[in-house]
């Protein structure tokens, strides 16, 4: 019965929640989007991150994450892709800090929603922190041989957990008080975000 898999499901989801609630590159991205573009854009970014979690959950079910951990060349390529993306985010934040353009007013409509969601998606699937937590889930096991209905529930739960967790960050970080504080110290905050993205990319590029 599918209920036999509930302990393994809850264990896997609890590990995922640890990754969601602990700040990392995804939360830094949401902070940047929330403060610069408002709530709607940050929620769309959180949805893109959640879609990336679906890919990682599916890879875990298929055993791909475990294979990647043993395939040095694949992990090296993934590490460099993630580092390059973090460097690109650092460039964007530092450019904004240097130019210090006017802060756009929050809008209910999201400009280029697909591109906004894709930014979160790409960061998540190349995020070494997220991959590390999914490798921990793969090490726990107990899902890959489950019936299709249990696997579907596992993947849906991963989507739900990621969107709720990152969406909560998006709601809090896009609140009016935080946006007003960001407007007063925008150059310093963008500079700090750019530096953090750069350091995260450098750490990833130099890691082994």
N, C-alpha and C. Protein backbone atom coordinates (compact mmCIF):
# COMPACT_ATOMS: atom_id res chain seq x y z
N UNK A 1 0.84 -1.20 0.00
CA UNK A 1 0.00 0.00 0.00
C UNK A 1 0.87 1.26 0.00
N UNK A 2 0.29 2.33 -0.55
CA UNK A 2 1.07 3.56 -0.64
C UNK A 2 1.36 4.14 0.74
N UNK A 3 0.52 3.80 1.72
CA UNK A 3 0.78 4.32 3.07
C UNK A 3 2.08 3.77 3.65
N UNK A 4 2.55 2.63 3.12
CA UNK A 4 3.81 2.07 3.60
C UNK A 4 4.98 3.00 3.31
N UNK A 5 4.80 3.88 2.34
CA UNK A 5 5.89 4.78 1.94
C UNK A 5 5.84 6.13 2.66
N UNK A 6 4.83 6.34 3.50
CA UNK A 6 4.70 7.63 4.17
C UNK A 6 5.93 8.00 5.01
N UNK A 7 6.50 7.08 5.80
CA UNK A 7 7.71 7.46 6.56
C UNK A 7 8.84 7.94 5.67
N UNK A 8 9.07 7.26 4.54
CA UNK A 8 10.13 7.69 3.62
C UNK A 8 9.79 9.03 2.99
N UNK A 9 8.52 9.25 2.66
CA UNK A 9 8.11 10.52 2.07
C UNK A 9 8.32 11.67 3.05
N UNK A 10 7.87 11.50 4.27
CA UNK A 10 8.01 12.57 5.25
C UNK A 10 9.47 12.83 5.60
N UNK A 11 10.28 11.80 5.60
CA UNK A 11 11.71 11.99 5.85
C UNK A 11 12.34 12.79 4.72
N UNK A 12 12.00 12.44 3.48
CA UNK A 12 12.54 13.16 2.32
C UNK A 12 12.08 14.61 2.32
N UNK A 13 10.80 14.84 2.59
CA UNK A 13 10.29 16.21 2.61
C UNK A 13 10.89 17.02 3.74
N UNK A 14 11.15 16.39 4.87
CA UNK A 14 11.75 17.13 5.99
C UNK A 14 13.17 17.58 5.64
N UNK A 15 13.91 16.72 4.92
CA UNK A 15 15.24 17.12 4.47
C UNK A 15 15.13 18.28 3.48
N UNK A 16 14.14 18.20 2.58
CA UNK A 16 13.94 19.29 1.64
C UNK A 16 13.62 20.59 2.36
N UNK A 17 12.76 20.53 3.40
CA UNK A 17 12.39 21.72 4.14
C UNK A 17 13.60 22.37 4.79
N UNK A 18 14.54 21.54 5.25
CA UNK A 18 15.76 22.09 5.83
C UNK A 18 16.51 22.92 4.80
N UNK A 19 16.52 22.44 3.55
CA UNK A 19 17.17 23.19 2.49
C UNK A 19 16.41 24.45 2.12
N UNK A 20 15.07 24.38 2.15
CA UNK A 20 14.25 25.53 1.75
C UNK A 20 14.38 26.68 2.74
N UNK A 21 14.31 26.35 4.04
CA UNK A 21 14.27 27.42 5.04
C UNK A 21 15.66 27.99 5.36
N UNK A 22 16.71 27.26 4.99
CA UNK A 22 18.06 27.80 5.25
C UNK A 22 18.46 28.74 4.12
N UNK A 23 18.85 29.97 4.43
CA UNK A 23 19.19 30.95 3.38
C UNK A 23 20.34 30.47 2.50
N UNK A 24 20.21 30.77 1.22
CA UNK A 24 21.24 30.40 0.25
C UNK A 24 21.08 31.26 -0.99
N UNK A 25 21.66 30.85 -2.12
CA UNK A 25 21.56 31.65 -3.35
C UNK A 25 20.12 31.92 -3.78
N UNK A 26 19.21 30.96 -3.60
CA UNK A 26 17.82 31.17 -4.00
C UNK A 26 17.17 32.30 -3.20
N UNK A 27 17.42 32.32 -1.91
CA UNK A 27 16.85 33.38 -1.06
C UNK A 27 17.48 34.73 -1.42
N UNK A 28 18.77 34.74 -1.72
CA UNK A 28 19.41 35.99 -2.14
C UNK A 28 18.78 36.51 -3.43
N UNK A 29 18.47 35.59 -4.35
CA UNK A 29 17.83 35.98 -5.60
C UNK A 29 16.45 36.57 -5.33
N UNK A 30 15.67 35.90 -4.48
CA UNK A 30 14.33 36.40 -4.16
C UNK A 30 14.42 37.77 -3.49
N UNK A 31 15.40 37.96 -2.62
CA UNK A 31 15.59 39.26 -1.98
C UNK A 31 15.83 40.35 -3.01
N UNK A 32 16.71 40.06 -3.97
CA UNK A 32 16.99 41.05 -5.00
C UNK A 32 15.77 41.38 -5.85
N UNK A 33 15.02 40.35 -6.25
CA UNK A 33 13.83 40.56 -7.08
C UNK A 33 12.75 41.27 -6.28
N UNK A 34 12.55 40.86 -5.02
CA UNK A 34 11.49 41.43 -4.18
C UNK A 34 11.71 42.91 -3.94
N UNK A 35 12.93 43.28 -3.62
CA UNK A 35 13.20 44.67 -3.29
C UNK A 35 13.23 45.56 -4.53
N UNK A 36 13.63 45.00 -5.66
CA UNK A 36 13.73 45.80 -6.87
C UNK A 36 12.43 45.85 -7.66
N UNK A 37 11.72 44.73 -7.74
CA UNK A 37 10.57 44.63 -8.64
C UNK A 37 9.24 44.35 -7.94
N UNK A 38 9.25 44.12 -6.64
CA UNK A 38 8.00 43.97 -5.94
C UNK A 38 7.56 42.53 -5.74
N UNK A 39 6.37 42.40 -5.15
CA UNK A 39 5.86 41.10 -4.70
C UNK A 39 5.56 40.14 -5.84
N UNK A 40 4.87 40.64 -6.88
CA UNK A 40 4.45 39.73 -7.96
C UNK A 40 5.66 39.07 -8.62
N UNK A 41 6.68 39.86 -8.92
CA UNK A 41 7.86 39.31 -9.58
C UNK A 41 8.59 38.33 -8.68
N UNK A 42 8.63 38.61 -7.37
CA UNK A 42 9.33 37.70 -6.46
C UNK A 42 8.56 36.39 -6.29
N UNK A 43 7.23 36.43 -6.33
CA UNK A 43 6.44 35.20 -6.25
C UNK A 43 6.64 34.37 -7.52
N UNK A 44 6.69 35.03 -8.68
CA UNK A 44 6.96 34.32 -9.93
C UNK A 44 8.35 33.67 -9.87
N UNK A 45 9.31 34.38 -9.31
CA UNK A 45 10.65 33.81 -9.15
C UNK A 45 10.60 32.58 -8.24
N UNK A 46 9.83 32.67 -7.16
CA UNK A 46 9.68 31.52 -6.25
C UNK A 46 9.05 30.33 -6.98
N UNK A 47 8.11 30.61 -7.88
CA UNK A 47 7.50 29.53 -8.65
C UNK A 47 8.53 28.89 -9.58
N UNK A 48 9.40 29.69 -10.19
CA UNK A 48 10.46 29.14 -11.02
C UNK A 48 11.40 28.27 -10.22
N UNK A 49 11.71 28.69 -9.01
CA UNK A 49 12.55 27.88 -8.12
C UNK A 49 11.86 26.56 -7.80
N UNK A 50 10.55 26.62 -7.55
CA UNK A 50 9.79 25.40 -7.25
C UNK A 50 9.80 24.44 -8.44
N UNK A 51 9.70 24.98 -9.64
CA UNK A 51 9.78 24.12 -10.83
C UNK A 51 11.15 23.46 -10.94
N UNK A 52 12.18 24.19 -10.55
CA UNK A 52 13.51 23.59 -10.50
C UNK A 52 13.58 22.45 -9.50
N UNK A 53 12.85 22.60 -8.39
CA UNK A 53 12.80 21.53 -7.38
C UNK A 53 12.13 20.29 -7.94
N UNK A 54 11.17 20.47 -8.84
CA UNK A 54 10.52 19.32 -9.49
C UNK A 54 11.55 18.53 -10.30
N UNK A 55 12.41 19.25 -11.01
CA UNK A 55 13.45 18.57 -11.79
C UNK A 55 14.39 17.80 -10.87
N UNK A 56 14.80 18.42 -9.77
CA UNK A 56 15.71 17.76 -8.84
C UNK A 56 15.03 16.57 -8.16
N UNK A 57 13.75 16.70 -7.84
CA UNK A 57 13.02 15.59 -7.24
C UNK A 57 12.90 14.43 -8.22
N UNK A 58 12.61 14.75 -9.49
CA UNK A 58 12.52 13.71 -10.51
C UNK A 58 13.87 13.02 -10.72
N UNK A 59 14.93 13.82 -10.70
CA UNK A 59 16.26 13.24 -10.85
C UNK A 59 16.60 12.34 -9.68
N UNK A 60 16.14 12.71 -8.49
CA UNK A 60 16.37 11.88 -7.31
C UNK A 60 15.66 10.54 -7.45
N UNK A 61 14.41 10.57 -7.92
CA UNK A 61 13.65 9.33 -8.11
C UNK A 61 14.35 8.41 -9.11
N UNK A 62 14.89 9.01 -10.16
CA UNK A 62 15.55 8.21 -11.20
C UNK A 62 16.98 7.84 -10.85
N UNK A 63 17.46 8.33 -9.71
CA UNK A 63 18.82 8.01 -9.28
C UNK A 63 19.88 8.84 -9.95
N UNK A 64 19.47 9.91 -10.66
CA UNK A 64 20.45 10.71 -11.39
C UNK A 64 21.34 11.49 -10.43
N UNK A 65 20.76 12.00 -9.34
CA UNK A 65 21.58 12.78 -8.40
C UNK A 65 22.67 11.91 -7.79
N UNK A 66 22.32 10.67 -7.48
CA UNK A 66 23.32 9.77 -6.92
C UNK A 66 24.40 9.45 -7.93
N UNK A 67 24.00 9.30 -9.21
CA UNK A 67 24.99 9.03 -10.26
C UNK A 67 25.92 10.22 -10.44
N UNK A 68 25.34 11.44 -10.37
CA UNK A 68 26.17 12.63 -10.53
C UNK A 68 27.23 12.73 -9.45
N UNK A 69 26.86 12.32 -8.23
CA UNK A 69 27.82 12.40 -7.14
C UNK A 69 29.02 11.49 -7.37
N UNK A 70 28.85 10.43 -8.18
CA UNK A 70 29.95 9.51 -8.48
C UNK A 70 30.63 9.82 -9.81
N UNK A 71 30.07 10.74 -10.58
CA UNK A 71 30.61 11.05 -11.91
C UNK A 71 31.27 12.42 -11.83
N UNK A 72 32.57 12.40 -11.64
CA UNK A 72 33.30 13.63 -11.35
C UNK A 72 33.17 14.66 -12.47
N UNK A 73 33.20 14.21 -13.73
CA UNK A 73 33.15 15.15 -14.85
C UNK A 73 31.81 15.88 -14.89
N UNK A 74 30.72 15.14 -14.66
CA UNK A 74 29.40 15.77 -14.68
C UNK A 74 29.26 16.79 -13.55
N UNK A 75 29.74 16.44 -12.38
CA UNK A 75 29.68 17.37 -11.27
C UNK A 75 30.53 18.60 -11.51
N UNK A 76 31.66 18.43 -12.19
CA UNK A 76 32.51 19.58 -12.50
C UNK A 76 31.81 20.53 -13.46
N UNK A 77 31.18 19.97 -14.49
CA UNK A 77 30.43 20.80 -15.45
C UNK A 77 29.30 21.54 -14.74
N UNK A 78 28.55 20.82 -13.91
CA UNK A 78 27.44 21.43 -13.18
C UNK A 78 27.94 22.51 -12.24
N UNK A 79 29.09 22.26 -11.63
CA UNK A 79 29.66 23.25 -10.70
C UNK A 79 30.04 24.53 -11.44
N UNK A 80 30.62 24.40 -12.63
CA UNK A 80 31.01 25.57 -13.38
C UNK A 80 29.80 26.32 -13.95
N UNK A 81 28.77 25.58 -14.34
CA UNK A 81 27.55 26.24 -14.80
C UNK A 81 26.93 27.06 -13.67
N UNK A 82 26.85 26.45 -12.49
CA UNK A 82 26.31 27.18 -11.34
C UNK A 82 27.15 28.39 -10.99
N UNK A 83 28.46 28.25 -11.03
CA UNK A 83 29.34 29.38 -10.71
C UNK A 83 29.17 30.51 -11.73
N UNK A 84 29.09 30.15 -13.02
CA UNK A 84 28.91 31.17 -14.05
C UNK A 84 27.60 31.92 -13.86
N UNK A 85 26.56 31.21 -13.49
CA UNK A 85 25.27 31.87 -13.28
C UNK A 85 25.32 32.80 -12.07
N UNK A 86 25.99 32.38 -11.01
CA UNK A 86 26.13 33.23 -9.84
C UNK A 86 26.96 34.48 -10.17
N UNK A 87 27.99 34.32 -11.00
CA UNK A 87 28.78 35.48 -11.42
C UNK A 87 27.92 36.44 -12.24
N UNK A 88 27.02 35.91 -13.07
CA UNK A 88 26.14 36.76 -13.86
C UNK A 88 25.19 37.54 -12.96
N UNK A 89 24.64 36.88 -11.94
CA UNK A 89 23.78 37.56 -10.99
C UNK A 89 24.56 38.64 -10.22
N UNK A 90 25.82 38.32 -9.90
CA UNK A 90 26.66 39.31 -9.22
C UNK A 90 26.88 40.54 -10.11
N UNK A 91 27.12 40.30 -11.39
CA UNK A 91 27.31 41.41 -12.34
C UNK A 91 26.06 42.29 -12.40
N UNK A 92 24.89 41.68 -12.45
CA UNK A 92 23.65 42.45 -12.53
C UNK A 92 23.45 43.29 -11.27
N UNK A 93 23.68 42.70 -10.11
CA UNK A 93 23.49 43.44 -8.86
C UNK A 93 24.50 44.57 -8.72
N UNK A 94 25.76 44.30 -9.06
CA UNK A 94 26.78 45.33 -8.94
C UNK A 94 26.56 46.45 -9.96
N UNK A 95 26.06 46.10 -11.14
CA UNK A 95 25.76 47.14 -12.14
C UNK A 95 24.64 48.04 -11.64
N UNK A 96 23.61 47.43 -11.01
CA UNK A 96 22.53 48.22 -10.45
C UNK A 96 23.04 49.12 -9.33
N UNK A 97 23.91 48.58 -8.50
CA UNK A 97 24.48 49.38 -7.41
C UNK A 97 25.27 50.56 -7.95
N UNK A 98 26.00 50.35 -9.04
CA UNK A 98 26.82 51.42 -9.62
C UNK A 98 25.97 52.50 -10.26
N UNK A 99 24.96 52.08 -11.04
CA UNK A 99 24.12 53.04 -11.75
C UNK A 99 23.05 53.66 -10.85
N UNK A 100 22.57 52.88 -9.88
CA UNK A 100 21.55 53.33 -8.92
C UNK A 100 20.35 53.97 -9.62
N UNK A 101 19.68 53.23 -10.52
CA UNK A 101 18.52 53.80 -11.21
C UNK A 101 17.34 53.95 -10.26
N UNK A 102 16.32 54.73 -10.66
CA UNK A 102 15.15 54.89 -9.79
C UNK A 102 14.48 53.54 -9.53
N UNK A 103 13.97 53.39 -8.33
CA UNK A 103 13.30 52.14 -7.96
C UNK A 103 11.93 52.10 -8.61
N UNK A 104 11.63 51.07 -9.43
CA UNK A 104 10.31 51.01 -10.06
C UNK A 104 9.22 50.78 -9.03
N UNK A 105 8.06 51.37 -9.30
CA UNK A 105 6.92 51.17 -8.39
C UNK A 105 6.40 49.74 -8.54
N UNK A 106 6.00 49.11 -7.43
CA UNK A 106 5.48 47.75 -7.52
C UNK A 106 4.22 47.71 -8.37
N UNK A 107 4.09 46.65 -9.16
CA UNK A 107 2.96 46.52 -10.07
C UNK A 107 2.36 45.14 -9.95
N UNK A 108 1.04 45.06 -10.20
CA UNK A 108 0.40 43.75 -10.15
C UNK A 108 0.81 42.88 -11.32
N UNK A 109 1.22 43.51 -12.42
CA UNK A 109 1.64 42.75 -13.60
C UNK A 109 3.15 42.56 -13.57
N UNK A 110 3.58 41.38 -14.00
CA UNK A 110 5.01 41.06 -14.02
C UNK A 110 5.52 41.18 -15.45
N UNK A 111 6.51 42.03 -15.65
CA UNK A 111 7.11 42.14 -16.97
C UNK A 111 7.96 40.91 -17.25
N UNK A 112 7.76 40.31 -18.40
CA UNK A 112 8.48 39.11 -18.82
C UNK A 112 8.39 38.01 -17.76
N UNK A 113 7.18 37.52 -17.48
CA UNK A 113 7.03 36.52 -16.42
C UNK A 113 7.80 35.23 -16.68
N UNK A 114 7.86 34.82 -17.96
CA UNK A 114 8.59 33.59 -18.28
C UNK A 114 10.07 33.75 -17.96
N UNK A 115 10.61 34.89 -18.35
CA UNK A 115 12.03 35.15 -18.07
C UNK A 115 12.27 35.25 -16.56
N UNK A 116 11.34 35.86 -15.85
CA UNK A 116 11.48 35.98 -14.39
C UNK A 116 11.48 34.61 -13.73
N UNK A 117 10.52 33.76 -14.14
CA UNK A 117 10.47 32.41 -13.58
C UNK A 117 11.69 31.60 -13.98
N UNK A 118 12.16 31.80 -15.22
CA UNK A 118 13.31 31.04 -15.71
C UNK A 118 14.57 31.37 -14.91
N UNK A 119 14.68 32.62 -14.45
CA UNK A 119 15.83 32.99 -13.62
C UNK A 119 15.89 32.14 -12.36
N UNK A 120 14.73 31.99 -11.69
CA UNK A 120 14.68 31.15 -10.50
C UNK A 120 14.91 29.68 -10.82
N UNK A 121 14.37 29.23 -11.95
CA UNK A 121 14.50 27.82 -12.34
C UNK A 121 15.96 27.46 -12.58
N UNK A 122 16.66 28.28 -13.37
CA UNK A 122 18.05 27.99 -13.70
C UNK A 122 18.92 28.00 -12.44
N UNK A 123 18.67 28.97 -11.56
CA UNK A 123 19.47 29.02 -10.34
C UNK A 123 19.25 27.77 -9.50
N UNK A 124 18.00 27.31 -9.40
CA UNK A 124 17.72 26.16 -8.55
C UNK A 124 18.35 24.88 -9.08
N UNK A 125 18.25 24.63 -10.38
CA UNK A 125 18.78 23.37 -10.91
C UNK A 125 20.31 23.36 -10.94
N UNK A 126 20.91 24.54 -10.82
CA UNK A 126 22.38 24.60 -10.79
C UNK A 126 22.90 25.00 -9.41
N UNK A 127 22.00 25.03 -8.43
CA UNK A 127 22.34 25.47 -7.08
C UNK A 127 23.00 24.32 -6.32
N UNK A 128 24.28 24.41 -5.99
CA UNK A 128 24.95 23.30 -5.29
C UNK A 128 24.35 23.03 -3.92
N UNK A 129 23.84 24.07 -3.26
CA UNK A 129 23.21 23.86 -1.96
C UNK A 129 21.98 22.96 -2.11
N UNK A 130 21.12 23.28 -3.08
CA UNK A 130 19.92 22.48 -3.29
C UNK A 130 20.27 21.06 -3.71
N UNK A 131 21.25 20.94 -4.61
CA UNK A 131 21.66 19.60 -5.06
C UNK A 131 22.20 18.78 -3.90
N UNK A 132 22.92 19.44 -2.99
CA UNK A 132 23.44 18.72 -1.82
C UNK A 132 22.34 18.14 -0.97
N UNK A 133 21.26 18.91 -0.76
CA UNK A 133 20.15 18.38 0.02
C UNK A 133 19.44 17.24 -0.71
N UNK A 134 19.32 17.33 -2.03
CA UNK A 134 18.68 16.25 -2.78
C UNK A 134 19.56 15.01 -2.83
N UNK A 135 20.87 15.20 -2.79
CA UNK A 135 21.76 14.03 -2.65
C UNK A 135 21.55 13.35 -1.31
N UNK A 136 21.29 14.14 -0.28
CA UNK A 136 20.99 13.55 1.04
C UNK A 136 19.68 12.76 0.98
N UNK A 137 18.70 13.29 0.26
CA UNK A 137 17.43 12.57 0.10
C UNK A 137 17.65 11.28 -0.66
N UNK A 138 18.49 11.33 -1.71
CA UNK A 138 18.78 10.12 -2.48
C UNK A 138 19.47 9.08 -1.62
N UNK A 139 20.32 9.54 -0.70
CA UNK A 139 21.03 8.61 0.17
C UNK A 139 20.08 7.90 1.12
N UNK A 140 19.00 8.61 1.52
CA UNK A 140 18.01 8.00 2.40
C UNK A 140 17.29 6.87 1.68
N UNK A 141 16.95 7.10 0.39
CA UNK A 141 16.31 6.05 -0.42
C UNK A 141 14.86 5.82 -0.04
N UNK A 142 14.29 4.74 -0.59
CA UNK A 142 12.94 4.36 -0.27
C UNK A 142 11.87 4.93 -1.16
N UNK A 143 12.24 5.70 -2.20
CA UNK A 143 11.27 6.32 -3.08
C UNK A 143 11.36 5.76 -4.50
N UNK A 144 12.57 5.47 -4.95
CA UNK A 144 12.77 5.08 -6.34
C UNK A 144 12.00 3.85 -6.76
N UNK A 145 11.76 2.91 -5.85
CA UNK A 145 11.06 1.68 -6.21
C UNK A 145 9.58 1.74 -5.86
N UNK A 146 9.08 2.93 -5.54
CA UNK A 146 7.68 3.09 -5.15
C UNK A 146 6.76 3.07 -6.37
N UNK A 147 5.47 2.80 -6.18
CA UNK A 147 4.52 2.87 -7.29
C UNK A 147 4.44 4.26 -7.87
N UNK A 148 3.90 4.36 -9.09
CA UNK A 148 3.84 5.64 -9.78
C UNK A 148 3.05 6.68 -8.99
N UNK A 149 2.00 6.26 -8.31
CA UNK A 149 1.18 7.20 -7.54
C UNK A 149 1.98 7.82 -6.39
N UNK A 150 2.84 7.01 -5.76
CA UNK A 150 3.66 7.51 -4.66
C UNK A 150 4.73 8.46 -5.20
N UNK A 151 5.32 8.13 -6.33
CA UNK A 151 6.33 9.00 -6.95
C UNK A 151 5.70 10.33 -7.34
N UNK A 152 4.48 10.28 -7.90
CA UNK A 152 3.78 11.52 -8.26
C UNK A 152 3.51 12.36 -7.03
N UNK A 153 3.12 11.72 -5.92
CA UNK A 153 2.88 12.45 -4.67
C UNK A 153 4.18 13.06 -4.15
N UNK A 154 5.27 12.32 -4.26
CA UNK A 154 6.57 12.81 -3.81
C UNK A 154 6.98 14.06 -4.59
N UNK A 155 6.82 14.02 -5.91
CA UNK A 155 7.21 15.15 -6.74
C UNK A 155 6.29 16.34 -6.51
N UNK A 156 4.98 16.09 -6.38
CA UNK A 156 4.05 17.18 -6.08
C UNK A 156 4.38 17.81 -4.73
N UNK A 157 4.70 16.97 -3.75
CA UNK A 157 5.08 17.50 -2.44
C UNK A 157 6.32 18.36 -2.51
N UNK A 158 7.29 17.96 -3.35
CA UNK A 158 8.50 18.76 -3.52
C UNK A 158 8.17 20.12 -4.12
N UNK A 159 7.27 20.13 -5.12
CA UNK A 159 6.83 21.39 -5.72
C UNK A 159 6.13 22.27 -4.68
N UNK A 160 5.22 21.66 -3.93
CA UNK A 160 4.45 22.40 -2.92
C UNK A 160 5.37 22.98 -1.84
N UNK A 161 6.25 22.15 -1.31
CA UNK A 161 7.14 22.60 -0.25
C UNK A 161 8.02 23.76 -0.70
N UNK A 162 8.58 23.62 -1.90
CA UNK A 162 9.48 24.66 -2.40
C UNK A 162 8.73 25.97 -2.65
N UNK A 163 7.54 25.87 -3.26
CA UNK A 163 6.81 27.09 -3.57
C UNK A 163 6.30 27.78 -2.31
N UNK A 164 5.82 27.00 -1.34
CA UNK A 164 5.34 27.60 -0.09
C UNK A 164 6.50 28.25 0.66
N UNK A 165 7.63 27.54 0.77
CA UNK A 165 8.76 28.09 1.49
C UNK A 165 9.35 29.32 0.84
N UNK A 166 9.67 29.21 -0.45
CA UNK A 166 10.26 30.35 -1.15
C UNK A 166 9.22 31.45 -1.38
N UNK A 167 7.94 31.05 -1.54
CA UNK A 167 6.90 32.07 -1.67
C UNK A 167 6.75 32.88 -0.39
N UNK A 168 6.93 32.23 0.77
CA UNK A 168 6.89 32.95 2.03
C UNK A 168 8.02 33.97 2.11
N UNK A 169 9.21 33.57 1.67
CA UNK A 169 10.32 34.53 1.60
C UNK A 169 9.95 35.69 0.69
N UNK A 170 9.32 35.38 -0.45
CA UNK A 170 8.95 36.44 -1.40
C UNK A 170 7.95 37.41 -0.78
N UNK A 171 6.97 36.90 -0.04
CA UNK A 171 5.97 37.76 0.57
C UNK A 171 6.59 38.66 1.65
N UNK A 172 7.46 38.09 2.47
CA UNK A 172 8.07 38.86 3.56
C UNK A 172 9.04 39.90 3.01
N UNK A 173 9.90 39.47 2.08
CA UNK A 173 10.96 40.36 1.60
C UNK A 173 10.43 41.45 0.68
N UNK A 174 9.20 41.29 0.17
CA UNK A 174 8.62 42.33 -0.69
C UNK A 174 7.64 43.21 0.07
N UNK A 175 7.60 43.10 1.40
CA UNK A 175 6.69 43.91 2.20
C UNK A 175 7.06 45.39 2.10
N UNK A 176 6.09 46.28 2.20
CA UNK A 176 6.38 47.73 2.07
C UNK A 176 7.48 48.25 2.99
N UNK A 177 7.53 47.85 4.27
CA UNK A 177 8.63 48.36 5.12
C UNK A 177 10.01 47.99 4.60
N UNK A 178 10.15 46.74 4.11
CA UNK A 178 11.45 46.33 3.59
C UNK A 178 11.78 47.04 2.29
N UNK A 179 10.77 47.26 1.45
CA UNK A 179 11.04 48.00 0.21
C UNK A 179 11.42 49.45 0.50
N UNK A 180 10.78 50.05 1.51
CA UNK A 180 11.17 51.43 1.87
C UNK A 180 12.59 51.48 2.41
N UNK A 181 12.93 50.47 3.23
CA UNK A 181 14.31 50.40 3.72
C UNK A 181 15.29 50.17 2.59
N UNK A 182 14.89 49.35 1.62
CA UNK A 182 15.76 49.10 0.47
C UNK A 182 15.95 50.38 -0.35
N UNK A 183 14.86 51.15 -0.52
CA UNK A 183 14.97 52.38 -1.30
C UNK A 183 15.96 53.36 -0.67
N UNK A 184 16.03 53.36 0.66
CA UNK A 184 16.95 54.29 1.34
C UNK A 184 18.40 53.84 1.27
N UNK A 185 18.60 52.53 1.18
CA UNK A 185 19.98 52.01 1.18
C UNK A 185 20.21 51.11 -0.02
N UNK A 186 19.62 51.48 -1.16
CA UNK A 186 19.62 50.59 -2.32
C UNK A 186 21.03 50.27 -2.80
N UNK A 187 21.84 51.30 -2.92
CA UNK A 187 23.18 51.07 -3.48
C UNK A 187 23.98 50.11 -2.60
N UNK A 188 23.87 50.26 -1.29
CA UNK A 188 24.62 49.39 -0.38
C UNK A 188 24.08 47.96 -0.41
N UNK A 189 22.76 47.82 -0.47
CA UNK A 189 22.16 46.48 -0.48
C UNK A 189 22.49 45.75 -1.77
N UNK A 190 22.36 46.44 -2.91
CA UNK A 190 22.70 45.81 -4.18
C UNK A 190 24.18 45.46 -4.24
N UNK A 191 25.00 46.34 -3.70
CA UNK A 191 26.43 46.04 -3.66
C UNK A 191 26.73 44.82 -2.80
N UNK A 192 26.02 44.72 -1.66
CA UNK A 192 26.22 43.56 -0.78
C UNK A 192 25.72 42.28 -1.46
N UNK A 193 24.55 42.36 -2.13
CA UNK A 193 24.03 41.19 -2.84
C UNK A 193 24.99 40.75 -3.94
N UNK A 194 25.50 41.73 -4.70
CA UNK A 194 26.45 41.40 -5.76
C UNK A 194 27.70 40.74 -5.20
N UNK A 195 28.18 41.25 -4.08
CA UNK A 195 29.37 40.66 -3.46
C UNK A 195 29.10 39.24 -2.98
N UNK A 196 27.90 39.02 -2.40
CA UNK A 196 27.55 37.68 -1.92
C UNK A 196 27.42 36.70 -3.09
N UNK A 197 26.79 37.15 -4.18
CA UNK A 197 26.69 36.28 -5.36
C UNK A 197 28.08 35.95 -5.90
N UNK A 198 28.96 36.97 -5.92
CA UNK A 198 30.31 36.74 -6.43
C UNK A 198 31.07 35.76 -5.55
N UNK A 199 30.98 35.94 -4.23
CA UNK A 199 31.69 35.05 -3.31
C UNK A 199 31.13 33.63 -3.40
N UNK A 200 29.79 33.51 -3.55
CA UNK A 200 29.20 32.18 -3.69
C UNK A 200 29.67 31.51 -4.97
N UNK A 201 29.74 32.28 -6.07
CA UNK A 201 30.24 31.72 -7.32
C UNK A 201 31.70 31.34 -7.25
N UNK A 202 32.49 32.20 -6.58
CA UNK A 202 33.91 31.90 -6.44
C UNK A 202 34.13 30.65 -5.59
N UNK A 203 33.36 30.55 -4.52
CA UNK A 203 33.48 29.37 -3.66
C UNK A 203 33.10 28.11 -4.42
N UNK A 204 32.04 28.20 -5.22
CA UNK A 204 31.61 27.04 -6.00
C UNK A 204 32.64 26.69 -7.06
N UNK A 205 33.20 27.70 -7.73
CA UNK A 205 34.17 27.44 -8.79
C UNK A 205 35.44 26.81 -8.26
N UNK A 206 35.83 27.16 -7.04
CA UNK A 206 37.08 26.66 -6.47
C UNK A 206 36.89 25.40 -5.61
N UNK A 207 35.61 25.00 -5.41
CA UNK A 207 35.37 23.83 -4.57
C UNK A 207 35.74 22.55 -5.31
N UNK A 208 35.95 21.50 -4.55
CA UNK A 208 36.27 20.19 -5.11
C UNK A 208 35.36 19.12 -4.51
